[in-house]
Amino acid sequence: MDLLVTILAGMAVLFGLGLVFSRGMGSLVAAGVSVISGIAAYDQKSFIPLLIGFGCLWVLRLLGFERA
């Protein structure tokens, strides 16, 4: 189970680093949320930070703060 958390946390961090170089509106905030949730998930070996982080990304998108 720890391997799956590690892989998903690494993917979240890589996704966040990819967003840093994106030109979309609010991409830096989305990148920060993604990287922080990935680091927290790796540190705690838990899926909960990933769920919270990607939930926050959807809330940002619904509020119109983050656009592609």
C-alpha atoms as a PDB file:
ATOM      1  CA  MET A   1       0.000   0.000   0.000  1.00  0.00           C
ATOM      2  CA  ASP A   2       2.903   2.329   0.718  1.00  0.00           C
ATOM      3  CA  LEU A   3       4.169   1.829  -2.817  1.00  0.00           C
ATOM      4  CA  LEU A   4       0.872   3.029  -4.291  1.00  0.00           C
ATOM      5  CA  VAL A   5       0.853   6.105  -2.046  1.00  0.00           C
ATOM      6  CA  THR A   6       4.461   6.837  -3.028  1.00  0.00           C
ATOM      7  CA  ILE A   7       3.696   6.549  -6.743  1.00  0.00           C
ATOM      8  CA  LEU A   8       0.587   8.742  -6.536  1.00  0.00           C
ATOM      9  CA  ALA A   9       2.382  11.313  -4.390  1.00  0.00           C
ATOM     10  CA  GLY A  10       5.203  11.460  -6.921  1.00  0.00           C
ATOM     11  CA  MET A  11       2.702  11.917  -9.729  1.00  0.00           C
ATOM     12  CA  ALA A  12       1.033  14.773  -7.826  1.00  0.00           C
ATOM     13  CA  VAL A  13       4.376  16.513  -7.369  1.00  0.00           C
ATOM     14  CA  LEU A  14       5.248  16.074 -11.048  1.00  0.00           C
ATOM     15  CA  PHE A  15       1.811  17.351 -12.038  1.00  0.00           C
ATOM     16  CA  GLY A  16       2.360  20.416  -9.858  1.00  0.00           C
ATOM     17  CA  LEU A  17       5.778  21.047 -11.367  1.00  0.00           C
ATOM     18  CA  GLY A  18       4.212  20.831 -14.802  1.00  0.00           C
ATOM     19  CA  LEU A  19       1.623  23.416 -13.785  1.00  0.00           C
ATOM     20  CA  VAL A  20       4.389  25.840 -12.807  1.00  0.00           C
ATOM     21  CA  PHE A  21       5.301  26.141 -16.477  1.00  0.00           C
ATOM     22  CA  SER A  22       1.692  26.400 -17.634  1.00  0.00           C
ATOM     23  CA  ARG A  23       0.323  29.745 -18.783  1.00  0.00           C
ATOM     24  CA  GLY A  24      -3.193  29.143 -17.470  1.00  0.00           C
ATOM     25  CA  MET A  25      -4.831  31.525 -15.043  1.00  0.00           C
ATOM     26  CA  GLY A  26      -4.258  30.447 -11.449  1.00  0.00           C
ATOM     27  CA  SER A  27      -1.818  27.736 -12.438  1.00  0.00           C
ATOM     28  CA  LEU A  28       0.751  28.745  -9.810  1.00  0.00           C
ATOM     29  CA  VAL A  29      -1.807  28.364  -7.022  1.00  0.00           C
ATOM     30  CA  ALA A  30      -2.901  25.012  -8.432  1.00  0.00           C
ATOM     31  CA  ALA A  31       0.754  23.958  -8.676  1.00  0.00           C
ATOM     32  CA  GLY A  32       1.331  24.872  -5.038  1.00  0.00           C
ATOM     33  CA  VAL A  33      -1.716  22.916  -3.900  1.00  0.00           C
ATOM     34  CA  SER A  34      -0.669  19.890  -5.935  1.00  0.00           C
ATOM     35  CA  VAL A  35       2.963  19.889  -4.787  1.00  0.00           C
ATOM     36  CA  ILE A  36       2.062  20.424  -1.126  1.00  0.00           C
ATOM     37  CA  SER A  37      -0.551  17.650  -1.194  1.00  0.00           C
ATOM     38  CA  GLY A  38       1.940  15.283  -2.837  1.00  0.00           C
ATOM     39  CA  ILE A  39       4.614  16.039  -0.262  1.00  0.00           C
ATOM     40  CA  ALA A  40       2.149  15.659   2.609  1.00  0.00           C
ATOM     41  CA  ALA A  41       0.857  12.356   1.218  1.00  0.00           C
ATOM     42  CA  TYR A  42       4.398  11.005   0.911  1.00  0.00           C
ATOM     43  CA  ASP A  43       5.300  12.179   4.411  1.00  0.00           C
ATOM     44  CA  GLN A  44       2.187  10.713   6.050  1.00  0.00           C
ATOM     45  CA  LYS A  45       1.933   7.654   3.736  1.00  0.00           C
ATOM     46  CA  SER A  46      -1.773   8.400   3.385  1.00  0.00           C
ATOM     47  CA  PHE A  47      -4.253   9.058   0.580  1.00  0.00           C
ATOM     48  CA  ILE A  48      -6.110  11.749   2.555  1.00  0.00           C
ATOM     49  CA  PRO A  49      -3.785  14.675   1.617  1.00  0.00           C
ATOM     50  CA  LEU A  50      -4.114  13.731  -2.045  1.00  0.00           C
ATOM     51  CA  LEU A  51      -7.897  13.676  -1.806  1.00  0.00           C
ATOM     52  CA  ILE A  52      -7.945  17.031  -0.024  1.00  0.00           C
ATOM     53  CA  GLY A  53      -5.487  18.571  -2.489  1.00  0.00           C
ATOM     54  CA  PHE A  54      -7.289  17.482  -5.630  1.00  0.00           C
ATOM     55  CA  GLY A  55     -10.602  18.402  -4.005  1.00  0.00           C
ATOM     56  CA  CYS A  56      -9.214  21.908  -3.540  1.00  0.00           C
ATOM     57  CA  LEU A  57      -8.219  21.982  -7.206  1.00  0.00           C
ATOM     58  CA  TRP A  58     -11.798  21.191  -8.221  1.00  0.00           C
ATOM     59  CA  VAL A  59     -13.142  23.878  -5.881  1.00  0.00           C
ATOM     60  CA  LEU A  60     -10.719  26.396  -7.440  1.00  0.00           C
ATOM     61  CA  ARG A  61     -11.917  25.370 -10.883  1.00  0.00           C
ATOM     62  CA  LEU A  62     -15.596  25.600  -9.915  1.00  0.00           C
ATOM     63  CA  LEU A  63     -15.071  29.071  -8.466  1.00  0.00           C
ATOM     64  CA  GLY A  64     -13.418  30.124 -11.711  1.00  0.00           C
ATOM     65  CA  PHE A  65     -10.063  30.905 -10.143  1.00  0.00           C
ATOM     66  CA  GLU A  66      -8.108  28.294 -12.081  1.00  0.00           C
ATOM     67  CA  ARG A  67      -8.612  28.021 -15.818  1.00  0.00           C
ATOM     68  CA  ALA A  68      -6.802  26.092 -18.526  1.00  0.00           C
END
